[in-house]
N, C-alpha and C. Protein backbone atom coordinates (compact mmCIF):
# COMPACT_ATOMS: atom_id res chain seq x y z
N MET A 1 0.56 -0.90 0.09
CA MET A 1 -0.23 0.22 0.27
C MET A 1 0.66 1.30 -0.26
N ILE A 2 0.72 1.87 -1.35
CA ILE A 2 1.68 3.50 -0.56
C ILE A 2 0.73 4.33 -0.10
N ARG A 3 1.33 5.12 0.82
CA ARG A 3 0.88 6.02 1.33
C ARG A 3 1.63 7.29 1.83
N GLU A 4 1.47 7.89 2.87
CA GLU A 4 2.70 9.97 2.79
C GLU A 4 3.06 9.22 4.01
N CYS A 5 4.52 9.19 4.09
CA CYS A 5 5.05 9.35 5.17
C CYS A 5 5.78 10.77 5.36
N LYS A 6 5.90 11.05 6.56
CA LYS A 6 6.57 12.56 6.92
C LYS A 6 7.97 12.68 6.28
N LYS A 7 8.84 11.56 6.75
CA LYS A 7 10.02 11.60 6.43
C LYS A 7 10.49 11.47 5.01
N HIS A 8 9.69 10.15 4.31
CA HIS A 8 10.48 9.62 2.90
C HIS A 8 9.13 10.31 1.83
N GLY A 9 7.87 10.47 2.57
CA GLY A 9 6.79 11.01 1.27
C GLY A 9 6.17 10.00 0.66
N LEU A 10 5.93 9.95 -0.13
CA LEU A 10 5.12 8.73 -1.11
C LEU A 10 5.95 7.56 -0.88
N THR A 11 5.41 6.54 -0.09
CA THR A 11 5.94 5.26 0.03
C THR A 11 5.27 3.98 0.11
N GLU A 12 5.89 3.33 0.16
CA GLU A 12 5.25 1.56 0.43
C GLU A 12 5.35 1.37 2.13
N PHE A 13 4.08 1.38 2.38
CA PHE A 13 3.84 0.99 4.03
C PHE A 13 3.30 -0.43 3.79
N ARG A 14 3.57 -0.84 5.11
CA ARG A 14 3.27 -2.51 5.29
C ARG A 14 2.30 -2.41 6.64
N THR A 15 1.51 -3.55 6.52
CA THR A 15 0.77 -3.87 7.88
C THR A 15 1.03 -4.00 9.15
N GLU A 16 1.37 -3.71 10.36
CA GLU A 16 1.90 -3.96 11.32
C GLU A 16 0.47 -4.02 12.25
N GLY A 17 -0.23 -5.69 12.38
CA GLY A 17 -1.28 -5.46 13.55
C GLY A 17 -2.68 -4.93 12.25
N GLU A 18 -3.50 -4.54 13.54
CA GLU A 18 -4.89 -4.27 12.68
C GLU A 18 -5.30 -2.89 12.74
N ASN A 19 -5.46 -2.36 11.76
CA ASN A 19 -5.46 -0.95 11.48
C ASN A 19 -3.93 -0.13 11.67
N LYS A 20 -3.03 -0.72 11.57
CA LYS A 20 -2.00 0.11 12.04
C LYS A 20 -0.70 -0.30 10.63
N PHE A 21 -0.46 0.99 10.01
CA PHE A 21 0.42 0.95 9.02
C PHE A 21 1.63 1.26 9.61
N ARG A 22 3.19 1.13 9.11
CA ARG A 22 4.18 1.65 8.87
C ARG A 22 5.02 1.48 7.31
N CYS A 23 5.61 3.14 7.30
CA CYS A 23 6.73 3.16 5.99
C CYS A 23 7.89 2.01 6.04
N ILE A 24 8.03 1.01 5.26
CA ILE A 24 8.94 0.13 5.22
C ILE A 24 10.27 0.76 5.61
N LYS A 25 10.10 1.96 4.39
CA LYS A 25 11.60 2.32 4.54
C LYS A 25 12.08 2.90 6.09
N CYS A 26 11.21 3.55 7.09
CA CYS A 26 11.53 4.17 8.51
C CYS A 26 11.55 3.18 9.17
N GLY A 27 10.80 1.45 9.03
CA GLY A 27 11.52 0.64 9.47
C GLY A 27 12.59 -0.21 9.24
N VAL A 28 13.29 -0.12 8.08
CA VAL A 28 14.43 -0.66 8.14
C VAL A 28 15.41 0.50 8.58
N GLU A 29 15.26 1.71 8.77
CA GLU A 29 16.18 2.36 8.91
C GLU A 29 15.93 2.13 10.88
N ALA A 30 15.19 2.18 11.64
CA ALA A 30 14.96 1.69 12.82
C ALA A 30 15.59 -0.14 12.98
N MET A 31 15.49 -0.64 12.29
CA MET A 31 16.24 -2.01 12.49
C MET A 31 17.88 -1.43 12.18
N LYS A 32 18.25 -1.11 11.26
CA LYS A 32 19.81 -0.64 11.32
C LYS A 32 19.98 0.09 12.64
N ARG A 33 19.64 0.90 13.20
CA ARG A 33 20.08 1.88 14.34
C ARG A 33 20.08 0.73 15.77
N ARG A 34 19.39 -0.74 15.68
CA ARG A 34 18.95 -1.23 16.64
C ARG A 34 20.07 -2.09 16.55
N ARG A 35 20.23 -2.67 15.27
CA ARG A 35 21.77 -3.73 15.29
C ARG A 35 22.95 -2.48 15.91
N GLN A 36 22.68 -1.40 15.71
CA GLN A 36 24.50 -1.00 15.79
C GLN A 36 24.64 -0.59 17.30
N ARG A 37 23.54 -0.09 18.10
CA ARG A 37 22.91 -0.28 19.39
C ARG A 37 23.40 -1.61 19.99
N MET A 38 23.08 -2.45 19.19
CA MET A 38 23.09 -4.11 19.94
C MET A 38 24.95 -4.26 19.86
N ARG A 39 25.22 -4.00 18.48
CA ARG A 39 26.52 -4.55 18.22
C ARG A 39 27.88 -3.82 19.50
N VAL A 40 27.43 -2.25 19.78
CA VAL A 40 28.24 -1.71 20.83
C VAL A 40 27.88 -2.03 22.07
N GLU A 41 26.41 -2.26 22.23
CA GLU A 41 26.40 -3.45 23.56
C GLU A 41 26.96 -4.34 24.14
N ILE A 42 27.04 -5.55 22.90
CA ILE A 42 27.17 -6.65 23.10
C ILE A 42 28.56 -6.42 23.22
N ARG A 43 29.57 -5.74 22.55
CA ARG A 43 31.19 -5.70 22.64
C ARG A 43 31.48 -4.52 24.24
N GLU A 44 30.93 -4.04 24.49
CA GLU A 44 30.81 -3.47 25.82
C GLU A 44 31.27 -4.24 27.27
N TYR A 45 30.00 -5.30 26.97
CA TYR A 45 29.68 -6.47 27.83
C TYR A 45 30.24 -7.16 27.94
N LYS A 46 31.03 -7.14 27.21
CA LYS A 46 32.73 -7.93 26.76
C LYS A 46 34.18 -7.34 27.23
N GLY A 47 34.04 -6.53 27.71
CA GLY A 47 34.86 -5.45 28.39
C GLY A 47 35.56 -4.29 27.08
N GLY A 48 34.62 -4.26 25.88
CA GLY A 48 35.32 -3.12 25.13
C GLY A 48 36.55 -2.68 24.43
N LYS A 49 37.35 -4.13 24.87
CA LYS A 49 38.48 -3.70 24.17
C LYS A 49 39.12 -5.50 24.00
N CYS A 50 40.27 -5.71 23.39
CA CYS A 50 40.96 -6.39 22.88
C CYS A 50 41.46 -7.41 23.90
N LEU A 51 41.31 -8.78 24.48
CA LEU A 51 41.49 -9.40 25.80
C LEU A 51 43.12 -9.69 25.54
N ILE A 52 43.80 -9.83 24.32
CA ILE A 52 45.12 -9.70 24.39
C ILE A 52 45.90 -8.40 24.26
N CYS A 53 45.77 -7.26 23.41
CA CYS A 53 46.49 -6.61 23.59
C CYS A 53 45.97 -4.93 23.60
N GLY A 54 44.58 -5.37 24.58
CA GLY A 54 43.47 -3.80 24.80
C GLY A 54 43.52 -3.10 23.73
N TYR A 55 43.10 -2.96 22.74
CA TYR A 55 43.10 -2.53 21.50
C TYR A 55 41.43 -2.14 21.87
N ASN A 56 41.29 -0.64 21.54
CA ASN A 56 39.89 -0.27 21.61
C ASN A 56 39.53 0.86 21.32
N LYS A 57 40.16 1.60 20.07
CA LYS A 57 39.93 2.94 19.47
C LYS A 57 38.84 2.71 18.19
N CYS A 58 38.53 1.38 17.58
CA CYS A 58 37.47 1.42 16.95
C CYS A 58 36.51 -0.46 16.92
N ILE A 59 35.56 -0.17 17.52
CA ILE A 59 34.65 -1.10 18.18
C ILE A 59 34.28 -1.68 17.01
N ASP A 60 34.36 -1.71 15.46
CA ASP A 60 34.12 -2.43 14.84
C ASP A 60 35.32 -3.06 14.43
N ALA A 61 37.04 -2.81 15.01
CA ALA A 61 37.62 -3.59 14.51
C ALA A 61 37.51 -4.78 15.72
N LEU A 62 36.92 -5.14 16.50
CA LEU A 62 36.73 -6.01 17.76
C LEU A 62 35.79 -7.09 17.13
N ASP A 63 36.41 -8.11 17.00
CA ASP A 63 35.45 -9.53 16.78
C ASP A 63 35.04 -10.41 18.03
N PHE A 64 34.39 -11.30 17.92
CA PHE A 64 34.41 -12.29 18.51
C PHE A 64 34.79 -13.78 18.11
N HIS A 65 35.50 -14.34 19.16
CA HIS A 65 36.33 -15.53 18.74
C HIS A 65 35.31 -16.98 19.68
N HIS A 66 35.16 -17.74 19.14
CA HIS A 66 34.62 -18.62 20.09
C HIS A 66 35.38 -19.85 20.39
N ILE A 67 35.66 -19.68 21.51
CA ILE A 67 37.09 -20.76 22.38
C ILE A 67 36.60 -21.98 21.87
N ASP A 68 35.23 -22.48 21.77
CA ASP A 68 35.35 -24.10 21.43
C ASP A 68 33.75 -23.92 20.44
N PRO A 69 34.57 -23.63 18.88
CA PRO A 69 33.49 -23.68 18.02
C PRO A 69 32.68 -24.86 18.22
N SER A 70 32.84 -25.74 18.60
CA SER A 70 32.06 -26.94 18.83
C SER A 70 30.39 -26.06 19.20
N LYS A 71 30.47 -25.47 20.18
CA LYS A 71 29.59 -25.21 20.65
C LYS A 71 28.88 -23.58 20.30
N LYS A 72 28.93 -23.25 19.55
CA LYS A 72 28.79 -21.80 18.30
C LYS A 72 27.75 -22.27 18.03
N GLU A 73 26.70 -21.65 18.67
CA GLU A 73 25.51 -21.60 17.54
C GLU A 73 24.65 -20.61 16.73
N PHE A 74 25.62 -19.63 16.94
CA PHE A 74 25.41 -18.58 15.23
C PHE A 74 26.73 -17.68 15.59
N GLY A 75 26.86 -17.11 14.50
CA GLY A 75 27.88 -16.08 14.57
C GLY A 75 27.55 -14.83 14.64
N PHE A 76 28.33 -13.53 14.72
CA PHE A 76 28.19 -12.41 15.47
C PHE A 76 28.28 -11.75 13.95
N GLY A 77 26.88 -11.77 13.12
CA GLY A 77 27.43 -11.21 11.53
C GLY A 77 25.85 -10.24 11.41
N LYS A 78 25.95 -9.76 10.50
CA LYS A 78 24.84 -8.66 10.82
C LYS A 78 23.72 -8.94 11.51
N LYS A 79 23.27 -10.34 10.60
CA LYS A 79 21.70 -10.08 10.73
C LYS A 79 21.72 -11.07 12.43
N SER A 80 22.57 -11.35 13.09
CA SER A 80 22.48 -12.25 14.50
C SER A 80 22.18 -10.74 15.52
N TYR A 81 22.15 -9.51 14.98
CA TYR A 81 22.06 -8.30 15.93
C TYR A 81 20.68 -8.03 16.28
N SER A 82 19.49 -9.13 15.24
CA SER A 82 18.55 -8.97 14.90
C SER A 82 17.85 -9.66 16.01
N THR A 83 18.31 -10.42 17.08
CA THR A 83 18.15 -11.29 17.82
C THR A 83 18.08 -10.22 19.48
N SER A 84 17.57 -11.38 21.00
CA SER A 84 17.83 -10.25 21.62
C SER A 84 18.57 -10.46 22.56
N MET A 85 18.65 -9.46 23.35
CA MET A 85 20.29 -9.11 24.02
C MET A 85 20.62 -10.51 25.00
N ASP A 86 19.42 -11.11 25.63
CA ASP A 86 19.70 -12.66 26.34
C ASP A 86 20.26 -13.79 25.30
N LYS A 87 19.75 -13.49 24.27
CA LYS A 87 20.76 -14.65 23.18
C LYS A 87 21.84 -14.18 22.96
N LEU A 88 22.45 -13.05 22.19
CA LEU A 88 23.44 -12.52 21.99
C LEU A 88 24.67 -12.51 23.72
N LYS A 89 24.24 -12.41 24.46
CA LYS A 89 25.08 -12.31 25.76
C LYS A 89 25.48 -14.10 25.95
N LYS A 90 24.37 -14.57 25.65
CA LYS A 90 24.63 -16.20 25.69
C LYS A 90 25.71 -16.57 25.09
N GLU A 91 25.88 -16.37 24.00
CA GLU A 91 26.65 -16.57 22.77
C GLU A 91 27.84 -15.92 22.77
N ALA A 92 27.95 -14.73 23.03
CA ALA A 92 29.09 -14.02 23.50
C ALA A 92 30.02 -14.75 24.61
N ASP A 93 29.18 -15.30 25.60
CA ASP A 93 29.94 -15.98 26.66
C ASP A 93 30.76 -17.36 26.63
N LYS A 94 30.77 -17.71 25.34
CA LYS A 94 31.52 -18.67 24.82
C LYS A 94 32.61 -18.15 23.98
N CYS A 95 33.06 -17.11 23.93
CA CYS A 95 33.71 -16.17 23.10
C CYS A 95 34.81 -15.48 23.80
N VAL A 96 35.79 -14.91 23.37
CA VAL A 96 36.14 -14.26 23.78
C VAL A 96 36.37 -12.66 22.72
N LEU A 97 36.93 -11.44 23.10
CA LEU A 97 36.83 -9.84 22.37
C LEU A 97 37.96 -10.10 22.07
N VAL A 98 38.50 -9.92 20.71
CA VAL A 98 39.55 -9.43 20.24
C VAL A 98 39.92 -9.02 19.37
N CYS A 99 40.84 -8.13 18.91
CA CYS A 99 40.74 -6.95 17.75
C CYS A 99 40.73 -8.03 16.51
N ALA A 100 40.85 -7.55 15.17
CA ALA A 100 41.09 -7.90 14.17
C ALA A 100 42.44 -8.26 13.94
N ASN A 101 43.65 -7.94 14.02
CA ASN A 101 44.63 -8.49 14.01
C ASN A 101 44.63 -9.76 15.17
N CYS A 102 45.04 -9.44 16.29
CA CYS A 102 45.09 -10.70 17.29
C CYS A 102 44.06 -11.70 16.63
N HIS A 103 42.71 -11.77 15.99
CA HIS A 103 42.15 -12.48 15.56
C HIS A 103 42.56 -13.27 14.70
N ARG A 104 43.13 -12.99 13.75
CA ARG A 104 43.65 -13.58 12.29
C ARG A 104 44.85 -14.10 13.15
N GLU A 105 45.86 -13.83 14.02
CA GLU A 105 46.71 -14.85 14.63
C GLU A 105 46.69 -16.03 15.62
N ILE A 106 45.22 -15.55 16.09
CA ILE A 106 44.87 -16.79 16.52
C ILE A 106 44.53 -18.18 15.29
N HIS A 107 43.69 -17.37 14.68
CA HIS A 107 43.54 -18.78 13.42
C HIS A 107 45.01 -19.20 12.75
N ALA A 108 45.84 -18.26 12.75
CA ALA A 108 46.82 -18.32 12.22
C ALA A 108 47.67 -19.25 12.77
N GLY A 109 47.49 -19.47 14.53
CA GLY A 109 48.46 -20.17 15.34
C GLY A 109 49.71 -19.75 15.87
N LEU A 110 49.42 -18.13 15.89
CA LEU A 110 50.72 -17.58 16.24
C LEU A 110 50.00 -16.95 17.96
N ILE A 111 48.97 -17.41 17.80
CA ILE A 111 48.19 -16.97 19.55
C ILE A 111 47.35 -18.53 19.96
N ASP A 112 48.29 -18.26 21.22
CA ASP A 112 47.06 -19.45 21.75
C ASP A 112 46.65 -19.15 22.74
N LEU A 113 45.12 -19.53 22.83
CA LEU A 113 43.72 -19.06 23.73
C LEU A 113 44.20 -20.06 24.79
N THR A 114 44.67 -21.55 25.12
CA THR A 114 44.64 -22.30 26.35
C THR A 114 44.82 -21.62 27.77
N GLY A 115 43.91 -22.15 28.24
CA GLY A 115 43.95 -21.46 29.59
C GLY A 115 42.88 -20.46 29.47
N VAL A 116 42.08 -19.47 28.43
CA VAL A 116 41.58 -18.40 28.40
C VAL A 116 40.15 -18.71 29.32
């Protein structure tokens, strides 16, 4: 259905419940904001810095490394931030937070996480 959005003008709307409509573009923007908030929150939950070198300048450079990959239920990709914070925390508890450089060195076998 095409309707008038205060922000986007004439655009497509979808039904959300009985007699309730929402601009699809506004919905997409709201989801992007929520995912970004969740990305920041879950990294702060894990300490907000690299466990190995202490890097904390750019939150987007911090990765989650699953200590035991066999217990991994999901990764921390774009779509995972659509889930609940409780589920994210449960999965993050199986991980260590490391910077991208240290993460690559872990996978290259240069950093040993035994005992972490």
